[in-house]
Amino acid sequence: MHAVVKAYNVLVTGLAVISGALLVWLGIAVIISVMQRNLGFQPTAWLFLSTEYGMFYLTLLGAPWLVRKRGHVYIELLTAALPKPILNIFSRFVSLLCVIVCLVMAMKGFDLVQMNLTRNDLDVRAYFFPTWLLTITFPVCFGLMAIEFMKFVVGREILHTGEVGLAE
């Protein structure tokens, strides 16, 4: 069981690292694109597509790690006003709702991947890119987010700290 937990943690952290690397690539790609335009050249199609795909991937790949680190946005004003026992119940309820939403999104994403594979869908804007390589992130990342939110439902820690401005 310990090996499974360790592998899971490496997966979530690894996806976050890839997400961060994609963010760095986006910055570099924008600079290259602007330089090419200023020098009178047309930026290459792969450069444009890599930034477009990169924004999609970095958003989903980093999301499970953000849940783990409580990095998602929520209204602290409400949670800070709740007494600890009510905050505990409220936070677990919100986390449970998040689990349900993530599981629905993961299931719908799985259906989408199956459809893409069955129909052999391709993104054909500049290159022939299998669509399932994009949509596979939906079931994987939303499934991982469901697991991370579930830790806040049944674990010792809750999603909301009850403090205002803790992250600043």
N, C-alpha and C. Protein backbone atom coordinates (compact mmCIF):
# COMPACT_ATOMS: atom_id res chain seq x y z
N MET A 1 0.83 -1.20 0.00
CA MET A 1 0.00 0.00 0.00
C MET A 1 0.87 1.26 0.00
N HIS A 2 1.98 1.19 0.75
CA HIS A 2 2.89 2.34 0.82
C HIS A 2 3.44 2.69 -0.56
N ALA A 3 3.74 1.67 -1.38
CA ALA A 3 4.27 1.91 -2.72
C ALA A 3 3.23 2.58 -3.62
N VAL A 4 1.97 2.22 -3.44
CA VAL A 4 0.90 2.83 -4.23
C VAL A 4 0.75 4.31 -3.87
N VAL A 5 0.78 4.60 -2.58
CA VAL A 5 0.66 5.99 -2.11
C VAL A 5 1.85 6.81 -2.61
N LYS A 6 3.02 6.23 -2.54
CA LYS A 6 4.22 6.93 -3.01
C LYS A 6 4.13 7.19 -4.51
N ALA A 7 3.71 6.20 -5.28
CA ALA A 7 3.56 6.36 -6.73
C ALA A 7 2.52 7.42 -7.05
N TYR A 8 1.43 7.41 -6.30
CA TYR A 8 0.38 8.42 -6.50
C TYR A 8 0.93 9.82 -6.23
N ASN A 9 1.66 9.99 -5.14
CA ASN A 9 2.24 11.29 -4.81
C ASN A 9 3.24 11.74 -5.86
N VAL A 10 4.04 10.82 -6.37
CA VAL A 10 4.98 11.15 -7.44
C VAL A 10 4.22 11.58 -8.70
N LEU A 11 3.12 10.91 -9.00
CA LEU A 11 2.31 11.27 -10.16
C LEU A 11 1.77 12.69 -10.05
N VAL A 12 1.14 13.01 -8.92
CA VAL A 12 0.55 14.34 -8.73
C VAL A 12 1.64 15.41 -8.77
N THR A 13 2.76 15.16 -8.11
CA THR A 13 3.85 16.12 -8.11
C THR A 13 4.47 16.23 -9.50
N GLY A 14 4.62 15.13 -10.17
CA GLY A 14 5.17 15.13 -11.53
C GLY A 14 4.31 15.92 -12.50
N LEU A 15 3.00 15.76 -12.40
CA LEU A 15 2.10 16.53 -13.26
C LEU A 15 2.21 18.02 -12.96
N ALA A 16 2.40 18.37 -11.70
CA ALA A 16 2.58 19.78 -11.33
C ALA A 16 3.89 20.33 -11.89
N VAL A 17 4.93 19.53 -11.87
CA VAL A 17 6.21 19.95 -12.43
C VAL A 17 6.09 20.17 -13.94
N ILE A 18 5.40 19.25 -14.61
CA ILE A 18 5.17 19.42 -16.05
C ILE A 18 4.38 20.70 -16.30
N SER A 19 3.38 20.93 -15.47
CA SER A 19 2.58 22.15 -15.58
C SER A 19 3.44 23.39 -15.44
N GLY A 20 4.33 23.38 -14.46
CA GLY A 20 5.24 24.51 -14.26
C GLY A 20 6.18 24.70 -15.44
N ALA A 21 6.68 23.59 -15.98
CA ALA A 21 7.57 23.67 -17.15
C ALA A 21 6.82 24.24 -18.35
N LEU A 22 5.56 23.87 -18.49
CA LEU A 22 4.76 24.42 -19.59
C LEU A 22 4.55 25.92 -19.41
N LEU A 23 4.41 26.37 -18.19
CA LEU A 23 4.27 27.80 -17.93
C LEU A 23 5.54 28.54 -18.35
N VAL A 24 6.69 27.96 -18.04
CA VAL A 24 7.96 28.55 -18.47
C VAL A 24 8.03 28.57 -20.00
N TRP A 25 7.63 27.45 -20.63
CA TRP A 25 7.65 27.40 -22.09
C TRP A 25 6.74 28.48 -22.68
N LEU A 26 5.59 28.70 -22.09
CA LEU A 26 4.69 29.74 -22.61
C LEU A 26 5.37 31.11 -22.61
N GLY A 27 6.08 31.42 -21.54
CA GLY A 27 6.79 32.69 -21.49
C GLY A 27 7.85 32.79 -22.58
N ILE A 28 8.61 31.72 -22.75
CA ILE A 28 9.66 31.70 -23.78
C ILE A 28 9.04 31.80 -25.17
N ALA A 29 7.98 31.04 -25.40
CA ALA A 29 7.33 31.02 -26.71
C ALA A 29 6.75 32.38 -27.08
N VAL A 30 6.20 33.08 -26.11
CA VAL A 30 5.65 34.41 -26.38
C VAL A 30 6.78 35.37 -26.76
N ILE A 31 7.89 35.28 -26.05
CA ILE A 31 9.04 36.14 -26.37
C ILE A 31 9.55 35.84 -27.78
N ILE A 32 9.69 34.56 -28.12
CA ILE A 32 10.15 34.18 -29.46
C ILE A 32 9.17 34.67 -30.52
N SER A 33 7.89 34.50 -30.27
CA SER A 33 6.87 34.92 -31.23
C SER A 33 6.91 36.43 -31.46
N VAL A 34 7.04 37.20 -30.39
CA VAL A 34 7.10 38.66 -30.51
C VAL A 34 8.36 39.07 -31.26
N MET A 35 9.48 38.42 -30.94
CA MET A 35 10.73 38.75 -31.64
C MET A 35 10.62 38.45 -33.13
N GLN A 36 10.02 37.30 -33.47
CA GLN A 36 9.85 36.95 -34.88
C GLN A 36 8.99 37.99 -35.60
N ARG A 37 7.91 38.39 -34.98
CA ARG A 37 7.03 39.40 -35.60
C ARG A 37 7.74 40.73 -35.77
N ASN A 38 8.51 41.13 -34.75
CA ASN A 38 9.23 42.40 -34.83
C ASN A 38 10.33 42.38 -35.88
N LEU A 39 10.85 41.20 -36.18
CA LEU A 39 11.87 41.07 -37.22
C LEU A 39 11.26 40.86 -38.61
N GLY A 40 9.93 40.87 -38.67
CA GLY A 40 9.24 40.75 -39.95
C GLY A 40 8.95 39.33 -40.38
N PHE A 41 9.13 38.36 -39.50
CA PHE A 41 8.85 36.97 -39.83
C PHE A 41 7.50 36.54 -39.25
N GLN A 42 6.93 35.53 -39.87
CA GLN A 42 5.69 34.95 -39.37
C GLN A 42 6.06 33.83 -38.40
N PRO A 43 5.57 33.86 -37.16
CA PRO A 43 5.86 32.75 -36.23
C PRO A 43 5.38 31.42 -36.79
N THR A 44 6.12 30.38 -36.50
CA THR A 44 5.79 29.06 -37.03
C THR A 44 4.51 28.52 -36.41
N ALA A 45 3.86 27.63 -37.16
CA ALA A 45 2.60 27.04 -36.68
C ALA A 45 2.81 26.23 -35.41
N TRP A 46 3.91 25.49 -35.32
CA TRP A 46 4.14 24.66 -34.14
C TRP A 46 4.30 25.51 -32.88
N LEU A 47 4.86 26.72 -33.06
CA LEU A 47 5.03 27.61 -31.91
C LEU A 47 3.67 28.05 -31.38
N PHE A 48 2.79 28.44 -32.30
CA PHE A 48 1.45 28.86 -31.90
C PHE A 48 0.69 27.70 -31.25
N LEU A 49 0.72 26.53 -31.90
CA LEU A 49 -0.02 25.38 -31.37
C LEU A 49 0.55 24.90 -30.03
N SER A 50 1.86 24.97 -29.88
CA SER A 50 2.44 24.51 -28.62
C SER A 50 2.00 25.40 -27.46
N THR A 51 1.82 26.69 -27.70
CA THR A 51 1.34 27.56 -26.63
C THR A 51 -0.14 27.32 -26.35
N GLU A 52 -0.88 27.07 -27.41
CA GLU A 52 -2.31 26.80 -27.22
C GLU A 52 -2.53 25.51 -26.44
N TYR A 53 -1.87 24.44 -26.86
CA TYR A 53 -1.98 23.18 -26.15
C TYR A 53 -1.38 23.30 -24.75
N GLY A 54 -0.29 24.05 -24.63
CA GLY A 54 0.36 24.23 -23.34
C GLY A 54 -0.55 24.86 -22.31
N MET A 55 -1.33 25.87 -22.72
CA MET A 55 -2.26 26.50 -21.77
C MET A 55 -3.31 25.51 -21.29
N PHE A 56 -3.77 24.67 -22.20
CA PHE A 56 -4.76 23.66 -21.85
C PHE A 56 -4.17 22.65 -20.86
N TYR A 57 -3.00 22.10 -21.22
CA TYR A 57 -2.38 21.09 -20.38
C TYR A 57 -1.97 21.64 -19.02
N LEU A 58 -1.36 22.82 -19.00
CA LEU A 58 -0.87 23.31 -17.70
C LEU A 58 -2.00 23.58 -16.73
N THR A 59 -3.15 23.98 -17.24
CA THR A 59 -4.30 24.21 -16.36
C THR A 59 -4.75 22.92 -15.69
N LEU A 60 -4.90 21.87 -16.47
CA LEU A 60 -5.41 20.62 -15.91
C LEU A 60 -4.35 19.83 -15.16
N LEU A 61 -3.13 19.81 -15.67
CA LEU A 61 -2.09 19.00 -15.02
C LEU A 61 -1.73 19.53 -13.64
N GLY A 62 -1.79 20.84 -13.44
CA GLY A 62 -1.46 21.41 -12.14
C GLY A 62 -2.59 21.42 -11.15
N ALA A 63 -3.81 21.18 -11.61
CA ALA A 63 -4.98 21.29 -10.74
C ALA A 63 -5.00 20.32 -9.56
N PRO A 64 -4.66 19.04 -9.73
CA PRO A 64 -4.66 18.15 -8.55
C PRO A 64 -3.68 18.60 -7.46
N TRP A 65 -2.52 19.07 -7.86
CA TRP A 65 -1.54 19.55 -6.90
C TRP A 65 -2.05 20.80 -6.19
N LEU A 66 -2.75 21.67 -6.93
CA LEU A 66 -3.32 22.87 -6.32
C LEU A 66 -4.37 22.50 -5.27
N VAL A 67 -5.16 21.47 -5.54
CA VAL A 67 -6.14 21.02 -4.54
C VAL A 67 -5.39 20.56 -3.29
N ARG A 68 -4.35 19.77 -3.50
CA ARG A 68 -3.56 19.26 -2.37
C ARG A 68 -3.02 20.40 -1.51
N LYS A 69 -2.57 21.46 -2.15
CA LYS A 69 -1.95 22.58 -1.45
C LYS A 69 -2.96 23.66 -1.05
N ARG A 70 -4.25 23.38 -1.26
CA ARG A 70 -5.32 24.35 -0.97
C ARG A 70 -5.11 25.63 -1.77
N GLY A 71 -4.70 25.49 -3.00
CA GLY A 71 -4.37 26.64 -3.83
C GLY A 71 -5.53 27.18 -4.65
N HIS A 72 -6.67 26.52 -4.61
CA HIS A 72 -7.82 27.00 -5.36
C HIS A 72 -8.50 28.15 -4.64
N VAL A 73 -9.21 28.93 -5.37
CA VAL A 73 -9.83 30.14 -4.84
C VAL A 73 -11.12 29.79 -4.09
N TYR A 74 -11.29 30.37 -2.93
CA TYR A 74 -12.56 30.31 -2.22
C TYR A 74 -12.67 31.57 -1.37
N ILE A 75 -13.85 31.82 -0.87
CA ILE A 75 -14.12 33.06 -0.14
C ILE A 75 -13.78 32.86 1.33
N GLU A 76 -12.66 33.44 1.75
CA GLU A 76 -12.20 33.28 3.13
C GLU A 76 -13.06 34.03 4.12
N LEU A 77 -13.71 35.08 3.67
CA LEU A 77 -14.52 35.89 4.57
C LEU A 77 -15.61 35.04 5.23
N LEU A 78 -16.23 34.17 4.44
CA LEU A 78 -17.28 33.30 4.98
C LEU A 78 -16.69 32.24 5.92
N THR A 79 -15.65 31.58 5.48
CA THR A 79 -15.09 30.50 6.30
C THR A 79 -14.45 31.01 7.58
N ALA A 80 -13.93 32.23 7.55
CA ALA A 80 -13.32 32.80 8.76
C ALA A 80 -14.38 33.16 9.80
N ALA A 81 -15.61 33.40 9.38
CA ALA A 81 -16.67 33.80 10.30
C ALA A 81 -17.34 32.60 10.97
N LEU A 82 -17.08 31.40 10.48
CA LEU A 82 -17.74 30.22 11.04
C LEU A 82 -17.02 29.70 12.27
N PRO A 83 -17.78 29.27 13.28
CA PRO A 83 -17.15 28.61 14.43
C PRO A 83 -16.52 27.29 13.98
N LYS A 84 -15.48 26.86 14.65
CA LYS A 84 -14.71 25.66 14.25
C LYS A 84 -15.57 24.43 13.99
N PRO A 85 -16.52 24.09 14.86
CA PRO A 85 -17.31 22.87 14.59
C PRO A 85 -18.14 22.99 13.31
N ILE A 86 -18.70 24.16 13.07
CA ILE A 86 -19.50 24.36 11.85
C ILE A 86 -18.59 24.44 10.63
N LEU A 87 -17.42 25.06 10.78
CA LEU A 87 -16.45 25.12 9.69
C LEU A 87 -16.04 23.72 9.27
N ASN A 88 -15.84 22.84 10.24
CA ASN A 88 -15.46 21.46 9.96
C ASN A 88 -16.53 20.77 9.10
N ILE A 89 -17.78 20.91 9.47
CA ILE A 89 -18.88 20.30 8.71
C ILE A 89 -19.02 20.97 7.35
N PHE A 90 -19.00 22.30 7.32
CA PHE A 90 -19.15 23.05 6.07
C PHE A 90 -18.03 22.70 5.09
N SER A 91 -16.80 22.68 5.56
CA SER A 91 -15.66 22.41 4.69
C SER A 91 -15.72 20.99 4.12
N ARG A 92 -16.10 20.04 4.93
CA ARG A 92 -16.21 18.66 4.45
C ARG A 92 -17.36 18.53 3.44
N PHE A 93 -18.44 19.26 3.67
CA PHE A 93 -19.56 19.24 2.73
C PHE A 93 -19.16 19.84 1.39
N VAL A 94 -18.47 20.98 1.42
CA VAL A 94 -17.99 21.62 0.19
C VAL A 94 -17.02 20.68 -0.53
N SER A 95 -16.15 20.05 0.21
CA SER A 95 -15.19 19.11 -0.39
C SER A 95 -15.92 17.93 -1.04
N LEU A 96 -16.98 17.45 -0.38
CA LEU A 96 -17.77 16.36 -0.95
C LEU A 96 -18.44 16.79 -2.26
N LEU A 97 -18.97 18.00 -2.28
CA LEU A 97 -19.55 18.51 -3.52
C LEU A 97 -18.49 18.58 -4.63
N CYS A 98 -17.29 18.98 -4.26
CA CYS A 98 -16.20 19.04 -5.23
C CYS A 98 -15.84 17.65 -5.74
N VAL A 99 -15.88 16.65 -4.86
CA VAL A 99 -15.62 15.27 -5.27
C VAL A 99 -16.66 14.85 -6.31
N ILE A 100 -17.92 15.14 -6.03
CA ILE A 100 -18.99 14.74 -6.94
C ILE A 100 -18.82 15.41 -8.30
N VAL A 101 -18.56 16.71 -8.30
CA VAL A 101 -18.37 17.44 -9.57
C VAL A 101 -17.17 16.87 -10.34
N CYS A 102 -16.08 16.62 -9.63
CA CYS A 102 -14.89 16.09 -10.29
C CYS A 102 -15.13 14.69 -10.86
N LEU A 103 -15.87 13.86 -10.13
CA LEU A 103 -16.18 12.52 -10.65
C LEU A 103 -17.06 12.58 -11.88
N VAL A 104 -18.03 13.47 -11.89
CA VAL A 104 -18.89 13.64 -13.07
C VAL A 104 -18.04 14.10 -14.26
N MET A 105 -17.16 15.08 -14.02
CA MET A 105 -16.30 15.57 -15.10
C MET A 105 -15.35 14.48 -15.58
N ALA A 106 -14.84 13.66 -14.67
CA ALA A 106 -13.95 12.56 -15.05
C ALA A 106 -14.70 11.53 -15.90
N MET A 107 -15.94 11.21 -15.50
CA MET A 107 -16.72 10.23 -16.27
C MET A 107 -17.06 10.77 -17.66
N LYS A 108 -17.47 12.02 -17.72
CA LYS A 108 -17.78 12.63 -19.02
C LYS A 108 -16.52 12.72 -19.87
N GLY A 109 -15.39 13.03 -19.22
CA GLY A 109 -14.12 13.08 -19.93
C GLY A 109 -13.72 11.71 -20.48
N PHE A 110 -13.97 10.67 -19.69
CA PHE A 110 -13.69 9.31 -20.14
C PHE A 110 -14.53 8.97 -21.37
N ASP A 111 -15.81 9.34 -21.33
CA ASP A 111 -16.68 9.11 -22.49
C ASP A 111 -16.16 9.86 -23.71
N LEU A 112 -15.68 11.07 -23.51
CA LEU A 112 -15.14 11.86 -24.60
C LEU A 112 -13.89 11.22 -25.19
N VAL A 113 -13.00 10.71 -24.35
CA VAL A 113 -11.80 10.04 -24.83
C VAL A 113 -12.18 8.80 -25.64
N GLN A 114 -13.13 8.03 -25.13
CA GLN A 114 -13.58 6.84 -25.85
C GLN A 114 -14.13 7.22 -27.22
N MET A 115 -14.92 8.29 -27.28
CA MET A 115 -15.48 8.74 -28.55
C MET A 115 -14.37 9.18 -29.50
N ASN A 116 -13.38 9.92 -28.97
CA ASN A 116 -12.26 10.36 -29.80
C ASN A 116 -11.49 9.18 -30.36
N LEU A 117 -11.28 8.16 -29.55
CA LEU A 117 -10.56 6.97 -30.01
C LEU A 117 -11.37 6.19 -31.03
N THR A 118 -12.66 6.02 -30.77
CA THR A 118 -13.53 5.27 -31.66
C THR A 118 -13.61 5.93 -33.03
N ARG A 119 -13.75 7.24 -33.04
CA ARG A 119 -13.90 7.98 -34.31
C ARG A 119 -12.56 8.38 -34.92
N ASN A 120 -11.47 8.09 -34.21
CA ASN A 120 -10.13 8.48 -34.66
C ASN A 120 -10.08 9.97 -34.95
N ASP A 121 -10.62 10.78 -34.03
CA ASP A 121 -10.66 12.23 -34.20
C ASP A 121 -9.26 12.82 -34.22
N LEU A 122 -9.08 13.80 -35.10
CA LEU A 122 -7.81 14.50 -35.22
C LEU A 122 -8.04 16.01 -35.17
N ASP A 123 -7.11 16.70 -34.54
CA ASP A 123 -7.07 18.15 -34.60
C ASP A 123 -6.20 18.46 -35.82
N VAL A 124 -6.77 19.07 -36.83
CA VAL A 124 -6.07 19.21 -38.12
C VAL A 124 -5.81 20.67 -38.48
N ARG A 125 -5.55 21.49 -37.51
CA ARG A 125 -5.31 22.90 -37.83
C ARG A 125 -3.99 23.09 -38.56
N ALA A 126 -2.89 22.68 -37.99
CA ALA A 126 -1.60 22.82 -38.65
C ALA A 126 -0.94 21.46 -38.83
N TYR A 127 -1.18 20.58 -37.88
CA TYR A 127 -0.66 19.23 -37.91
C TYR A 127 -1.80 18.28 -37.59
N PHE A 128 -1.61 17.01 -37.90
CA PHE A 128 -2.59 16.01 -37.53
C PHE A 128 -2.26 15.54 -36.13
N PHE A 129 -3.05 15.99 -35.16
CA PHE A 129 -2.81 15.70 -33.75
C PHE A 129 -4.01 14.92 -33.21
N PRO A 130 -3.80 13.70 -32.70
CA PRO A 130 -4.93 12.92 -32.17
C PRO A 130 -5.62 13.67 -31.02
N THR A 131 -6.91 13.86 -31.14
CA THR A 131 -7.67 14.61 -30.15
C THR A 131 -7.64 13.95 -28.78
N TRP A 132 -7.57 12.63 -28.74
CA TRP A 132 -7.57 11.94 -27.45
C TRP A 132 -6.37 12.33 -26.61
N LEU A 133 -5.27 12.77 -27.24
CA LEU A 133 -4.11 13.21 -26.46
C LEU A 133 -4.41 14.49 -25.68
N LEU A 134 -5.39 15.23 -26.13
CA LEU A 134 -5.85 16.40 -25.36
C LEU A 134 -6.88 15.99 -24.32
N THR A 135 -7.87 15.23 -24.75
CA THR A 135 -9.00 14.93 -23.86
C THR A 135 -8.68 13.92 -22.77
N ILE A 136 -7.58 13.18 -22.89
CA ILE A 136 -7.22 12.21 -21.86
C ILE A 136 -6.94 12.90 -20.52
N THR A 137 -6.61 14.19 -20.59
CA THR A 137 -6.34 14.92 -19.36
C THR A 137 -7.60 15.12 -18.52
N PHE A 138 -8.78 15.10 -19.15
CA PHE A 138 -10.01 15.29 -18.38
C PHE A 138 -10.23 14.15 -17.37
N PRO A 139 -10.32 12.88 -17.81
CA PRO A 139 -10.56 11.84 -16.80
C PRO A 139 -9.40 11.68 -15.82
N VAL A 140 -8.17 11.83 -16.31
CA VAL A 140 -7.02 11.66 -15.42
C VAL A 140 -6.99 12.75 -14.35
N CYS A 141 -7.02 14.00 -14.78
CA CYS A 141 -6.84 15.11 -13.82
C CYS A 141 -8.07 15.33 -12.94
N PHE A 142 -9.26 15.20 -13.49
CA PHE A 142 -10.44 15.33 -12.65
C PHE A 142 -10.55 14.15 -11.68
N GLY A 143 -10.12 12.97 -12.11
CA GLY A 143 -10.08 11.83 -11.19
C GLY A 143 -9.11 12.06 -10.04
N LEU A 144 -7.94 12.61 -10.36
CA LEU A 144 -6.97 12.92 -9.32
C LEU A 144 -7.47 14.02 -8.39
N MET A 145 -8.16 15.01 -8.96
CA MET A 145 -8.73 16.06 -8.11
C MET A 145 -9.79 15.49 -7.18
N ALA A 146 -10.58 14.54 -7.67
CA ALA A 146 -11.59 13.90 -6.81
C ALA A 146 -10.92 13.21 -5.63
N ILE A 147 -9.81 12.53 -5.88
CA ILE A 147 -9.08 11.88 -4.80
C ILE A 147 -8.56 12.91 -3.80
N GLU A 148 -7.99 13.98 -4.32
CA GLU A 148 -7.44 15.02 -3.43
C GLU A 148 -8.54 15.68 -2.60
N PHE A 149 -9.69 15.98 -3.22
CA PHE A 149 -10.81 16.55 -2.45
C PHE A 149 -11.33 15.54 -1.43
N MET A 150 -11.34 14.26 -1.80
CA MET A 150 -11.83 13.23 -0.88
C MET A 150 -10.97 13.16 0.38
N LYS A 151 -9.69 13.46 0.26
CA LYS A 151 -8.83 13.50 1.45
C LYS A 151 -9.34 14.54 2.45
N PHE A 152 -9.90 15.63 1.94
CA PHE A 152 -10.43 16.67 2.82
C PHE A 152 -11.80 16.28 3.38
N VAL A 153 -12.48 15.35 2.73
CA VAL A 153 -13.77 14.88 3.24
C VAL A 153 -13.55 13.93 4.40
N VAL A 154 -12.63 12.99 4.27
CA VAL A 154 -12.48 11.93 5.27
C VAL A 154 -11.22 12.05 6.12
N GLY A 155 -10.30 12.91 5.75
CA GLY A 155 -9.03 13.03 6.46
C GLY A 155 -9.11 13.91 7.70
N ARG A 156 -7.98 14.04 8.36
CA ARG A 156 -7.90 14.89 9.56
C ARG A 156 -7.99 16.37 9.20
N GLU A 157 -7.34 16.75 8.11
CA GLU A 157 -7.34 18.15 7.70
C GLU A 157 -8.58 18.46 6.86
N ILE A 158 -9.00 19.73 6.92
CA ILE A 158 -10.11 20.18 6.10
C ILE A 158 -9.59 21.16 5.06
N LEU A 159 -10.39 21.40 4.04
CA LEU A 159 -9.99 22.27 2.93
C LEU A 159 -9.82 23.72 3.37
N HIS A 160 -10.71 24.20 4.18
CA HIS A 160 -10.71 25.62 4.58
C HIS A 160 -10.02 25.78 5.92
N THR A 161 -9.14 26.77 6.00
CA THR A 161 -8.38 26.99 7.23
C THR A 161 -9.17 27.74 8.29
N GLY A 162 -10.13 28.56 7.85
CA GLY A 162 -10.87 29.38 8.79
C GLY A 162 -10.15 30.68 9.12
N GLU A 163 -9.04 30.93 8.43
CA GLU A 163 -8.27 32.14 8.65
C GLU A 163 -8.28 32.99 7.39
N VAL A 164 -8.27 34.28 7.57
CA VAL A 164 -8.25 35.19 6.43
C VAL A 164 -6.81 35.54 6.11
N GLY A 165 -6.47 35.50 4.82
CA GLY A 165 -5.14 35.94 4.38
C GLY A 165 -4.01 35.03 4.77
N LEU A 166 -4.27 33.75 5.00
CA LEU A 166 -3.23 32.83 5.42
C LEU A 166 -2.17 32.67 4.35
N ALA A 167 -2.57 32.68 3.09
CA ALA A 167 -1.63 32.43 2.00
C ALA A 167 -0.79 33.64 1.64
N GLU A 168 -1.05 34.79 2.22
CA GLU A 168 -0.31 36.00 1.85
C GLU A 168 0.91 36.21 2.69
